[in-house]
């Protein structure tokens, strides 16, 4: 069973939801701004498809992170940690693609 093996006490559940909210409010606006910038740089670029793949990957992994964190799924398979870790290379790929476009076209 991938879910937490014990029911959370109301206080622990509230703390988990608060941590999720704080993480999302810290990261999502910054990441959204970076992805919006990447989109504007790549509007008519040959690399726009690759940027789309990076954004889809980022969105998938951050959504997976949210679900795993909400339900306490991180053992025995580290779904929460792995999904967060895999979202970062997607963001980096978007920035690299935008940098290539910005300096070559």
PDB file of N, CA and C in Angstrom:
ATOM      1  N   UNK A   1       0.844  -1.176   0.000  1.00  0.00           N
ATOM      2  CA  UNK A   1       0.000   0.000   0.000  1.00  0.00           C
ATOM      3  C   UNK A   1       0.889   1.240   0.000  1.00  0.00           C
ATOM      4  N   UNK A   2       0.708   2.112  -0.983  1.00  0.00           N
ATOM      5  CA  UNK A   2       1.548   3.288  -1.110  1.00  0.00           C
ATOM      6  C   UNK A   2       1.127   4.427  -0.188  1.00  0.00           C
ATOM      7  N   UNK A   3      -0.062   4.373   0.342  1.00  0.00           N
ATOM      8  CA  UNK A   3      -0.535   5.461   1.180  1.00  0.00           C
ATOM      9  C   UNK A   3       0.070   5.357   2.575  1.00  0.00           C
ATOM     10  N   UNK A   4       0.038   6.462   3.280  1.00  0.00           N
ATOM     11  CA  UNK A   4       0.557   6.470   4.647  1.00  0.00           C
ATOM     12  C   UNK A   4      -0.121   5.359   5.450  1.00  0.00           C
ATOM     13  N   UNK A   5       0.658   4.667   6.251  1.00  0.00           N
ATOM     14  CA  UNK A   5       0.150   3.494   6.945  1.00  0.00           C
ATOM     15  C   UNK A   5      -0.688   3.837   8.168  1.00  0.00           C
ATOM     16  N   UNK A   6      -0.748   5.046   8.558  1.00  0.00           N
ATOM     17  CA  UNK A   6      -1.528   5.425   9.723  1.00  0.00           C
ATOM     18  C   UNK A   6      -2.359   6.657   9.368  1.00  0.00           C
ATOM     19  N   UNK A   7      -3.525   6.775   9.949  1.00  0.00           N
ATOM     20  CA  UNK A   7      -4.326   7.979   9.674  1.00  0.00           C
ATOM     21  C   UNK A   7      -3.678   9.193  10.343  1.00  0.00           C
ATOM     22  N   UNK A   8      -3.672  10.303   9.629  1.00  0.00           N
ATOM     23  CA  UNK A   8      -3.094  11.512  10.191  1.00  0.00           C
ATOM     24  C   UNK A   8      -4.024  12.113  11.234  1.00  0.00           C
ATOM     25  N   UNK A   9      -3.434  12.614  12.273  1.00  0.00           N
ATOM     26  CA  UNK A   9      -4.214  13.345  13.258  1.00  0.00           C
ATOM     27  C   UNK A   9      -4.631  14.671  12.620  1.00  0.00           C
ATOM     28  N   UNK A  10      -5.739  15.239  13.043  1.00  0.00           N
ATOM     29  CA  UNK A  10      -6.194  16.488  12.423  1.00  0.00           C
ATOM     30  C   UNK A  10      -5.119  17.584  12.387  1.00  0.00           C
ATOM     31  N   UNK A  11      -4.325  17.707  13.441  1.00  0.00           N
ATOM     32  CA  UNK A  11      -3.286  18.730  13.476  1.00  0.00           C
ATOM     33  C   UNK A  11      -2.191  18.440  12.448  1.00  0.00           C
ATOM     34  N   UNK A  12      -1.796  17.167  12.309  1.00  0.00           N
ATOM     35  CA  UNK A  12      -0.773  16.796  11.333  1.00  0.00           C
ATOM     36  C   UNK A  12      -1.281  17.007   9.916  1.00  0.00           C
ATOM     37  N   UNK A  13      -2.549  16.697   9.685  1.00  0.00           N
ATOM     38  CA  UNK A  13      -3.148  16.913   8.369  1.00  0.00           C
ATOM     39  C   UNK A  13      -3.157  18.401   8.023  1.00  0.00           C
ATOM     40  N   UNK A  14      -3.480  19.219   9.006  1.00  0.00           N
ATOM     41  CA  UNK A  14      -3.495  20.666   8.791  1.00  0.00           C
ATOM     42  C   UNK A  14      -2.087  21.176   8.479  1.00  0.00           C
ATOM     43  N   UNK A  15      -1.084  20.656   9.184  1.00  0.00           N
ATOM     44  CA  UNK A  15       0.302  21.057   8.927  1.00  0.00           C
ATOM     45  C   UNK A  15       0.740  20.645   7.528  1.00  0.00           C
ATOM     46  N   UNK A  16       0.356  19.444   7.086  1.00  0.00           N
ATOM     47  CA  UNK A  16       0.716  18.976   5.748  1.00  0.00           C
ATOM     48  C   UNK A  16       0.094  19.889   4.688  1.00  0.00           C
ATOM     49  N   UNK A  17      -1.182  20.202   4.856  1.00  0.00           N
ATOM     50  CA  UNK A  17      -1.855  21.076   3.888  1.00  0.00           C
ATOM     51  C   UNK A  17      -1.220  22.454   3.880  1.00  0.00           C
ATOM     52  N   UNK A  18      -0.801  22.933   5.025  1.00  0.00           N
ATOM     53  CA  UNK A  18      -0.131  24.231   5.087  1.00  0.00           C
ATOM     54  C   UNK A  18       1.215  24.182   4.368  1.00  0.00           C
ATOM     55  N   UNK A  19       1.980  23.104   4.551  1.00  0.00           N
ATOM     56  CA  UNK A  19       3.270  22.972   3.858  1.00  0.00           C
ATOM     57  C   UNK A  19       3.071  22.925   2.349  1.00  0.00           C
ATOM     58  N   UNK A  20       2.043  22.222   1.899  1.00  0.00           N
ATOM     59  CA  UNK A  20       1.740  22.160   0.461  1.00  0.00           C
ATOM     60  C   UNK A  20       1.418  23.560  -0.051  1.00  0.00           C
ATOM     61  N   UNK A  21       0.565  24.278   0.663  1.00  0.00           N
ATOM     62  CA  UNK A  21       0.185  25.624   0.244  1.00  0.00           C
ATOM     63  C   UNK A  21       1.390  26.552   0.169  1.00  0.00           C
ATOM     64  N   UNK A  22       2.245  26.513   1.184  1.00  0.00           N
ATOM     65  CA  UNK A  22       3.415  27.390   1.209  1.00  0.00           C
ATOM     66  C   UNK A  22       4.361  27.039   0.064  1.00  0.00           C
ATOM     67  N   UNK A  23       4.587  25.758  -0.170  1.00  0.00           N
ATOM     68  CA  UNK A  23       5.462  25.351  -1.266  1.00  0.00           C
ATOM     69  C   UNK A  23       4.916  25.818  -2.600  1.00  0.00           C
ATOM     70  N   UNK A  24       3.623  25.617  -2.810  1.00  0.00           N
ATOM     71  CA  UNK A  24       3.012  26.021  -4.080  1.00  0.00           C
ATOM     72  C   UNK A  24       3.058  27.544  -4.243  1.00  0.00           C
ATOM     73  N   UNK A  25       2.800  28.282  -3.174  1.00  0.00           N
ATOM     74  CA  UNK A  25       2.786  29.744  -3.289  1.00  0.00           C
ATOM     75  C   UNK A  25       4.190  30.313  -3.462  1.00  0.00           C
ATOM     76  N   UNK A  26       5.220  29.581  -3.051  1.00  0.00           N
ATOM     77  CA  UNK A  26       6.596  30.031  -3.265  1.00  0.00           C
ATOM     78  C   UNK A  26       7.085  29.698  -4.673  1.00  0.00           C
ATOM     79  N   UNK A  27       6.801  28.492  -5.135  1.00  0.00           N
ATOM     80  CA  UNK A  27       7.392  28.023  -6.386  1.00  0.00           C
ATOM     81  C   UNK A  27       6.576  28.335  -7.636  1.00  0.00           C
ATOM     82  N   UNK A  28       5.285  28.140  -7.583  1.00  0.00           N
ATOM     83  CA  UNK A  28       4.475  28.229  -8.798  1.00  0.00           C
ATOM     84  C   UNK A  28       4.512  29.622  -9.441  1.00  0.00           C
ATOM     85  N   UNK A  29       4.374  30.726  -8.700  1.00  0.00           N
ATOM     86  CA  UNK A  29       4.439  32.029  -9.378  1.00  0.00           C
ATOM     87  C   UNK A  29       5.785  32.271 -10.071  1.00  0.00           C
ATOM     88  N   UNK A  30       6.863  31.914  -9.411  1.00  0.00           N
ATOM     89  CA  UNK A  30       8.194  32.087 -10.003  1.00  0.00           C
ATOM     90  C   UNK A  30       8.354  31.215 -11.236  1.00  0.00           C
ATOM     91  N   UNK A  31       7.957  29.962 -11.138  1.00  0.00           N
ATOM     92  CA  UNK A  31       8.077  29.053 -12.270  1.00  0.00           C
ATOM     93  C   UNK A  31       7.149  29.467 -13.408  1.00  0.00           C
ATOM     94  N   UNK A  32       5.965  29.955 -13.089  1.00  0.00           N
ATOM     95  CA  UNK A  32       5.042  30.428 -14.123  1.00  0.00           C
ATOM     96  C   UNK A  32       5.637  31.622 -14.861  1.00  0.00           C
ATOM     97  N   UNK A  33       6.260  32.528 -14.133  1.00  0.00           N
ATOM     98  CA  UNK A  33       6.900  33.676 -14.779  1.00  0.00           C
ATOM     99  C   UNK A  33       8.029  33.218 -15.704  1.00  0.00           C
ATOM    100  N   UNK A  34       8.833  32.273 -15.261  1.00  0.00           N
ATOM    101  CA  UNK A  34       9.911  31.767 -16.116  1.00  0.00           C
ATOM    102  C   UNK A  34       9.373  31.073 -17.360  1.00  0.00           C
ATOM    103  N   UNK A  35       8.328  30.277 -17.190  1.00  0.00           N
ATOM    104  CA  UNK A  35       7.759  29.584 -18.349  1.00  0.00           C
ATOM    105  C   UNK A  35       7.064  30.560 -19.294  1.00  0.00           C
ATOM    106  N   UNK A  36       6.454  31.612 -18.771  1.00  0.00           N
ATOM    107  CA  UNK A  36       5.845  32.636 -19.630  1.00  0.00           C
ATOM    108  C   UNK A  36       6.921  33.355 -20.435  1.00  0.00           C
ATOM    109  N   UNK A  37       8.045  33.672 -19.783  1.00  0.00           N
ATOM    110  CA  UNK A  37       9.164  34.286 -20.496  1.00  0.00           C
ATOM    111  C   UNK A  37       9.680  33.347 -21.580  1.00  0.00           C
ATOM    112  N   UNK A  38       9.823  32.079 -21.243  1.00  0.00           N
ATOM    113  CA  UNK A  38      10.299  31.098 -22.221  1.00  0.00           C
ATOM    114  C   UNK A  38       9.343  31.013 -23.406  1.00  0.00           C
ATOM    115  N   UNK A  39       8.059  31.058 -23.139  1.00  0.00           N
ATOM    116  CA  UNK A  39       7.065  31.019 -24.212  1.00  0.00           C
ATOM    117  C   UNK A  39       7.203  32.233 -25.126  1.00  0.00           C
ATOM    118  N   UNK A  40       7.358  33.414 -24.540  1.00  0.00           N
ATOM    119  CA  UNK A  40       7.472  34.632 -25.356  1.00  0.00           C
ATOM    120  C   UNK A  40       8.737  34.613 -26.203  1.00  0.00           C
ATOM    121  N   UNK A  41       9.815  34.106 -25.664  1.00  0.00           N
ATOM    122  CA  UNK A  41      11.070  34.038 -26.425  1.00  0.00           C
ATOM    123  C   UNK A  41      10.941  33.059 -27.590  1.00  0.00           C
ATOM    124  N   UNK A  42      10.183  32.000 -27.401  1.00  0.00           N
ATOM    125  CA  UNK A  42      10.106  30.924 -28.393  1.00  0.00           C
ATOM    126  C   UNK A  42       8.852  30.961 -29.263  1.00  0.00           C
ATOM    127  N   UNK A  43       8.147  32.074 -29.317  1.00  0.00           N
ATOM    128  CA  UNK A  43       6.882  32.132 -30.049  1.00  0.00           C
ATOM    129  C   UNK A  43       6.990  31.604 -31.483  1.00  0.00           C
ATOM    130  N   UNK A  44       7.989  32.050 -32.222  1.00  0.00           N
ATOM    131  CA  UNK A  44       8.118  31.641 -33.623  1.00  0.00           C
ATOM    132  C   UNK A  44       9.415  30.879 -33.868  1.00  0.00           C
ATOM    133  N   UNK A  45       9.872  30.217 -32.849  1.00  0.00           N
ATOM    134  CA  UNK A  45      11.136  29.493 -32.917  1.00  0.00           C
ATOM    135  C   UNK A  45      10.931  28.074 -33.434  1.00  0.00           C
ATOM    136  N   UNK A  46      12.008  27.522 -33.989  1.00  0.00           N
ATOM    137  CA  UNK A  46      11.993  26.114 -34.398  1.00  0.00           C
ATOM    138  C   UNK A  46      12.015  25.190 -33.179  1.00  0.00           C
ATOM    139  N   UNK A  47      12.361  25.720 -32.045  1.00  0.00           N
ATOM    140  CA  UNK A  47      12.455  24.919 -30.824  1.00  0.00           C
ATOM    141  C   UNK A  47      11.185  24.979 -29.971  1.00  0.00           C
ATOM    142  N   UNK A  48      10.140  25.605 -30.495  1.00  0.00           N
ATOM    143  CA  UNK A  48       8.908  25.777 -29.712  1.00  0.00           C
ATOM    144  C   UNK A  48       8.299  24.432 -29.312  1.00  0.00           C
ATOM    145  N   UNK A  49       8.378  23.434 -30.173  1.00  0.00           N
ATOM    146  CA  UNK A  49       7.837  22.116 -29.824  1.00  0.00           C
ATOM    147  C   UNK A  49       8.569  21.523 -28.621  1.00  0.00           C
ATOM    148  N   UNK A  50       9.884  21.675 -28.596  1.00  0.00           N
ATOM    149  CA  UNK A  50      10.664  21.138 -27.488  1.00  0.00           C
ATOM    150  C   UNK A  50      10.340  21.876 -26.181  1.00  0.00           C
ATOM    151  N   UNK A  51      10.094  23.165 -26.298  1.00  0.00           N
ATOM    152  CA  UNK A  51       9.662  23.915 -25.120  1.00  0.00           C
ATOM    153  C   UNK A  51       8.327  23.369 -24.621  1.00  0.00           C
ATOM    154  N   UNK A  52       7.426  23.071 -25.535  1.00  0.00           N
ATOM    155  CA  UNK A  52       6.142  22.488 -25.151  1.00  0.00           C
ATOM    156  C   UNK A  52       6.305  21.177 -24.411  1.00  0.00           C
ATOM    157  N   UNK A  53       7.224  20.335 -24.872  1.00  0.00           N
ATOM    158  CA  UNK A  53       7.474  19.065 -24.191  1.00  0.00           C
ATOM    159  C   UNK A  53       7.998  19.304 -22.773  1.00  0.00           C
ATOM    160  N   UNK A  54       8.887  20.278 -22.634  1.00  0.00           N
ATOM    161  CA  UNK A  54       9.428  20.589 -21.309  1.00  0.00           C
ATOM    162  C   UNK A  54       8.332  21.096 -20.380  1.00  0.00           C
ATOM    163  N   UNK A  55       7.440  21.933 -20.889  1.00  0.00           N
ATOM    164  CA  UNK A  55       6.350  22.472 -20.068  1.00  0.00           C
ATOM    165  C   UNK A  55       5.378  21.362 -19.681  1.00  0.00           C
ATOM    166  N   UNK A  56       5.074  20.476 -20.618  1.00  0.00           N
ATOM    167  CA  UNK A  56       4.192  19.345 -20.312  1.00  0.00           C
ATOM    168  C   UNK A  56       4.827  18.460 -19.241  1.00  0.00           C
ATOM    169  N   UNK A  57       6.117  18.181 -19.374  1.00  0.00           N
ATOM    170  CA  UNK A  57       6.820  17.383 -18.362  1.00  0.00           C
ATOM    171  C   UNK A  57       6.796  18.059 -17.004  1.00  0.00           C
ATOM    172  N   UNK A  58       7.067  19.358 -16.987  1.00  0.00           N
ATOM    173  CA  UNK A  58       7.044  20.104 -15.727  1.00  0.00           C
ATOM    174  C   UNK A  58       5.664  20.032 -15.083  1.00  0.00           C
ATOM    175  N   UNK A  59       4.635  20.284 -15.877  1.00  0.00           N
ATOM    176  CA  UNK A  59       3.266  20.263 -15.354  1.00  0.00           C
ATOM    177  C   UNK A  59       2.897  18.877 -14.831  1.00  0.00           C
ATOM    178  N   UNK A  60       3.260  17.842 -15.574  1.00  0.00           N
ATOM    179  CA  UNK A  60       2.972  16.473 -15.145  1.00  0.00           C
ATOM    180  C   UNK A  60       3.641  16.165 -13.804  1.00  0.00           C
ATOM    181  N   UNK A  61       4.927  16.476 -13.694  1.00  0.00           N
ATOM    182  CA  UNK A  61       5.661  16.133 -12.474  1.00  0.00           C
ATOM    183  C   UNK A  61       5.219  16.970 -11.279  1.00  0.00           C
ATOM    184  N   UNK A  62       4.882  18.248 -11.488  1.00  0.00           N
ATOM    185  CA  UNK A  62       4.400  19.054 -10.364  1.00  0.00           C
ATOM    186  C   UNK A  62       3.011  18.588  -9.915  1.00  0.00           C
ATOM    187  N   UNK A  63       2.173  18.173 -10.860  1.00  0.00           N
ATOM    188  CA  UNK A  63       0.859  17.638 -10.489  1.00  0.00           C
ATOM    189  C   UNK A  63       1.015  16.330  -9.731  1.00  0.00           C
ATOM    190  N   UNK A  64       1.931  15.482 -10.201  1.00  0.00           N
ATOM    191  CA  UNK A  64       2.214  14.227  -9.508  1.00  0.00           C
ATOM    192  C   UNK A  64       2.741  14.510  -8.107  1.00  0.00           C
ATOM    193  N   UNK A  65       3.606  15.508  -7.976  1.00  0.00           N
ATOM    194  CA  UNK A  65       4.127  15.889  -6.662  1.00  0.00           C
ATOM    195  C   UNK A  65       2.977  16.291  -5.735  1.00  0.00           C
ATOM    196  N   UNK A  66       2.061  17.116  -6.238  1.00  0.00           N
ATOM    197  CA  UNK A  66       0.934  17.585  -5.435  1.00  0.00           C
ATOM    198  C   UNK A  66       0.080  16.413  -4.948  1.00  0.00           C
ATOM    199  N   UNK A  67      -0.222  15.494  -5.841  1.00  0.00           N
ATOM    200  CA  UNK A  67      -1.044  14.337  -5.474  1.00  0.00           C
ATOM    201  C   UNK A  67      -0.306  13.465  -4.456  1.00  0.00           C
ATOM    202  N   UNK A  68       0.978  13.196  -4.717  1.00  0.00           N
ATOM    203  CA  UNK A  68       1.754  12.355  -3.800  1.00  0.00           C
ATOM    204  C   UNK A  68       1.892  13.006  -2.434  1.00  0.00           C
ATOM    205  N   UNK A  69       2.111  14.289  -2.402  1.00  0.00           N
ATOM    206  CA  UNK A  69       2.254  14.987  -1.128  1.00  0.00           C
ATOM    207  C   UNK A  69       0.915  15.029  -0.385  1.00  0.00           C
ATOM    208  N   UNK A  70      -0.155  15.265  -1.118  1.00  0.00           N
ATOM    209  CA  UNK A  70      -1.484  15.339  -0.493  1.00  0.00           C
ATOM    210  C   UNK A  70      -1.880  14.030   0.168  1.00  0.00           C
ATOM    211  N   UNK A  71      -1.525  12.913  -0.466  1.00  0.00           N
ATOM    212  CA  UNK A  71      -1.914  11.610   0.063  1.00  0.00           C
ATOM    213  C   UNK A  71      -0.802  10.923   0.854  1.00  0.00           C
ATOM    214  N   UNK A  72       0.336  11.573   1.016  1.00  0.00           N
ATOM    215  CA  UNK A  72       1.419  10.996   1.798  1.00  0.00           C
ATOM    216  C   UNK A  72       2.113   9.839   1.103  1.00  0.00           C
ATOM    217  N   UNK A  73       2.158   9.862  -0.216  1.00  0.00           N
ATOM    218  CA  UNK A  73       2.790   8.775  -0.979  1.00  0.00           C
ATOM    219  C   UNK A  73       4.276   9.094  -1.152  1.00  0.00           C
ATOM    220  N   UNK A  74       5.102   8.471  -0.376  1.00  0.00           N
ATOM    221  CA  UNK A  74       6.544   8.635  -0.547  1.00  0.00           C
ATOM    222  C   UNK A  74       7.301   7.410  -0.064  1.00  0.00           C
ATOM    223  N   UNK A  75       6.575   6.355   0.220  1.00  0.00           N
ATOM    224  CA  UNK A  75       7.205   5.140   0.695  1.00  0.00           C
ATOM    225  C   UNK A  75       6.333   3.955   0.301  1.00  0.00           C
ATOM    226  N   UNK A  76       6.833   2.873  -0.167  1.00  0.00           N
ATOM    227  CA  UNK A  76       8.235   2.505  -0.350  1.00  0.00           C
ATOM    228  C   UNK A  76       8.852   3.135  -1.600  1.00  0.00           C
ATOM    229  N   UNK A  77       8.030   3.627  -2.496  1.00  0.00           N
ATOM    230  CA  UNK A  77       8.537   4.302  -3.697  1.00  0.00           C
ATOM    231  C   UNK A  77       8.491   5.811  -3.452  1.00  0.00           C
ATOM    232  N   UNK A  78       9.600   6.521  -3.639  1.00  0.00           N
ATOM    233  CA  UNK A  78       9.639   7.956  -3.320  1.00  0.00           C
ATOM    234  C   UNK A  78       8.972   8.818  -4.395  1.00  0.00           C
ATOM    235  N   UNK A  79       7.666   8.652  -4.558  1.00  0.00           N
ATOM    236  CA  UNK A  79       6.942   9.351  -5.624  1.00  0.00           C
ATOM    237  C   UNK A  79       7.011  10.864  -5.460  1.00  0.00           C
ATOM    238  N   UNK A  80       6.813  11.341  -4.245  1.00  0.00           N
ATOM    239  CA  UNK A  80       6.826  12.788  -4.026  1.00  0.00           C
ATOM    240  C   UNK A  80       8.194  13.378  -4.314  1.00  0.00           C
ATOM    241  N   UNK A  81       9.223  12.796  -3.759  1.00  0.00           N
ATOM    242  CA  UNK A  81      10.577  13.315  -3.950  1.00  0.00           C
ATOM    243  C   UNK A  81      11.013  13.204  -5.406  1.00  0.00           C
ATOM    244  N   UNK A  82      10.718  12.076  -6.007  1.00  0.00           N
ATOM    245  CA  UNK A  82      11.124  11.861  -7.394  1.00  0.00           C
ATOM    246  C   UNK A  82      10.395  12.804  -8.342  1.00  0.00           C
ATOM    247  N   UNK A  83       9.111  13.011  -8.133  1.00  0.00           N
ATOM    248  CA  UNK A  83       8.369  13.899  -9.030  1.00  0.00           C
ATOM    249  C   UNK A  83       8.853  15.342  -8.894  1.00  0.00           C
ATOM    250  N   UNK A  84       9.186  15.764  -7.674  1.00  0.00           N
ATOM    251  CA  UNK A  84       9.735  17.112  -7.505  1.00  0.00           C
ATOM    252  C   UNK A  84      11.088  17.218  -8.186  1.00  0.00           C
ATOM    253  N   UNK A  85      11.935  16.210  -7.993  1.00  0.00           N
ATOM    254  CA  UNK A  85      13.273  16.224  -8.589  1.00  0.00           C
ATOM    255  C   UNK A  85      13.208  16.211 -10.111  1.00  0.00           C
ATOM    256  N   UNK A  86      12.244  15.510 -10.692  1.00  0.00           N
ATOM    257  CA  UNK A  86      12.137  15.446 -12.146  1.00  0.00           C
ATOM    258  C   UNK A  86      11.491  16.697 -12.752  1.00  0.00           C
ATOM    259  N   UNK A  87      10.777  17.464 -11.949  1.00  0.00           N
ATOM    260  CA  UNK A  87      10.207  18.702 -12.481  1.00  0.00           C
ATOM    261  C   UNK A  87      11.298  19.752 -12.717  1.00  0.00           C
ATOM    262  N   UNK A  88      12.354  19.702 -11.936  1.00  0.00           N
ATOM    263  CA  UNK A  88      13.419  20.702 -12.061  1.00  0.00           C
ATOM    264  C   UNK A  88      14.198  20.596 -13.376  1.00  0.00           C
ATOM    265  N   UNK A  89      14.571  19.397 -13.858  1.00  0.00           N
ATOM    266  CA  UNK A  89      15.225  19.331 -15.171  1.00  0.00           C
ATOM    267  C   UNK A  89      14.309  19.818 -16.310  1.00  0.00           C
ATOM    268  N   UNK A  90      13.007  19.622 -16.160  1.00  0.00           N
ATOM    269  CA  UNK A  90      12.077  20.133 -17.170  1.00  0.00           C
ATOM    270  C   UNK A  90      12.129  21.654 -17.208  1.00  0.00           C
ATOM    271  N   UNK A  91      12.172  22.277 -16.033  1.00  0.00           N
ATOM    272  CA  UNK A  91      12.285  23.738 -15.964  1.00  0.00           C
ATOM    273  C   UNK A  91      13.619  24.188 -16.537  1.00  0.00           C
ATOM    274  N   UNK A  92      14.687  23.486 -16.208  1.00  0.00           N
ATOM    275  CA  UNK A  92      16.008  23.819 -16.733  1.00  0.00           C
ATOM    276  C   UNK A  92      16.033  23.674 -18.250  1.00  0.00           C
ATOM    277  N   UNK A  93      15.409  22.628 -18.765  1.00  0.00           N
ATOM    278  CA  UNK A  93      15.352  22.436 -20.220  1.00  0.00           C
ATOM    279  C   UNK A  93      14.631  23.602 -20.887  1.00  0.00           C
ATOM    280  N   UNK A  94      13.547  24.068 -20.288  1.00  0.00           N
ATOM    281  CA  UNK A  94      12.816  25.211 -20.849  1.00  0.00           C
ATOM    282  C   UNK A  94      13.708  26.448 -20.886  1.00  0.00           C
ATOM    283  N   UNK A  95      14.481  26.660 -19.840  1.00  0.00           N
ATOM    284  CA  UNK A  95      15.361  27.826 -19.803  1.00  0.00           C
ATOM    285  C   UNK A  95      16.511  27.704 -20.797  1.00  0.00           C
ATOM    286  N   UNK A  96      17.055  26.509 -20.950  1.00  0.00           N
ATOM    287  CA  UNK A  96      18.131  26.286 -21.920  1.00  0.00           C
ATOM    288  C   UNK A  96      17.613  26.489 -23.345  1.00  0.00           C
ATOM    289  N   UNK A  97      16.446  25.948 -23.635  1.00  0.00           N
ATOM    290  CA  UNK A  97      15.854  26.126 -24.967  1.00  0.00           C
ATOM    291  C   UNK A  97      15.628  27.608 -25.248  1.00  0.00           C
ATOM    292  N   UNK A  98      15.155  28.337 -24.267  1.00  0.00           N
ATOM    293  CA  UNK A  98      14.924  29.773 -24.447  1.00  0.00           C
ATOM    294  C   UNK A  98      16.221  30.524 -24.613  1.00  0.00           C
ATOM    295  N   UNK A  99      17.242  30.129 -23.880  1.00  0.00           N
ATOM    296  CA  UNK A  99      18.554  30.775 -24.032  1.00  0.00           C
ATOM    297  C   UNK A  99      19.130  30.532 -25.418  1.00  0.00           C
ATOM    298  N   UNK A 100      18.997  29.311 -25.904  1.00  0.00           N
ATOM    299  CA  UNK A 100      19.472  29.007 -27.262  1.00  0.00           C
ATOM    300  C   UNK A 100      18.735  29.869 -28.281  1.00  0.00           C
ATOM    301  N   UNK A 101      17.432  29.969 -28.149  1.00  0.00           N
ATOM    302  CA  UNK A 101      16.629  30.767 -29.071  1.00  0.00           C
ATOM    303  C   UNK A 101      16.997  32.249 -28.977  1.00  0.00           C
ATOM    304  N   UNK A 102      17.143  32.740 -27.766  1.00  0.00           N
ATOM    305  CA  UNK A 102      17.424  34.166 -27.567  1.00  0.00           C
ATOM    306  C   UNK A 102      18.764  34.586 -28.174  1.00  0.00           C
ATOM    307  N   UNK A 103      19.744  33.687 -28.132  1.00  0.00           N
ATOM    308  CA  UNK A 103      21.068  34.066 -28.595  1.00  0.00           C
ATOM    309  C   UNK A 103      21.413  33.579 -29.994  1.00  0.00           C
ATOM    310  N   UNK A 104      20.516  32.851 -30.632  1.00  0.00           N
ATOM    311  CA  UNK A 104      20.814  32.370 -31.995  1.00  0.00           C
ATOM    312  C   UNK A 104      19.866  32.925 -33.051  1.00  0.00           C
ATOM    313  N   UNK A 105      18.729  33.438 -32.661  1.00  0.00           N
ATOM    314  CA  UNK A 105      17.791  33.924 -33.672  1.00  0.00           C
ATOM    315  C   UNK A 105      17.643  35.421 -33.599  1.00  0.00           C
TER     316      UNK A 105
END
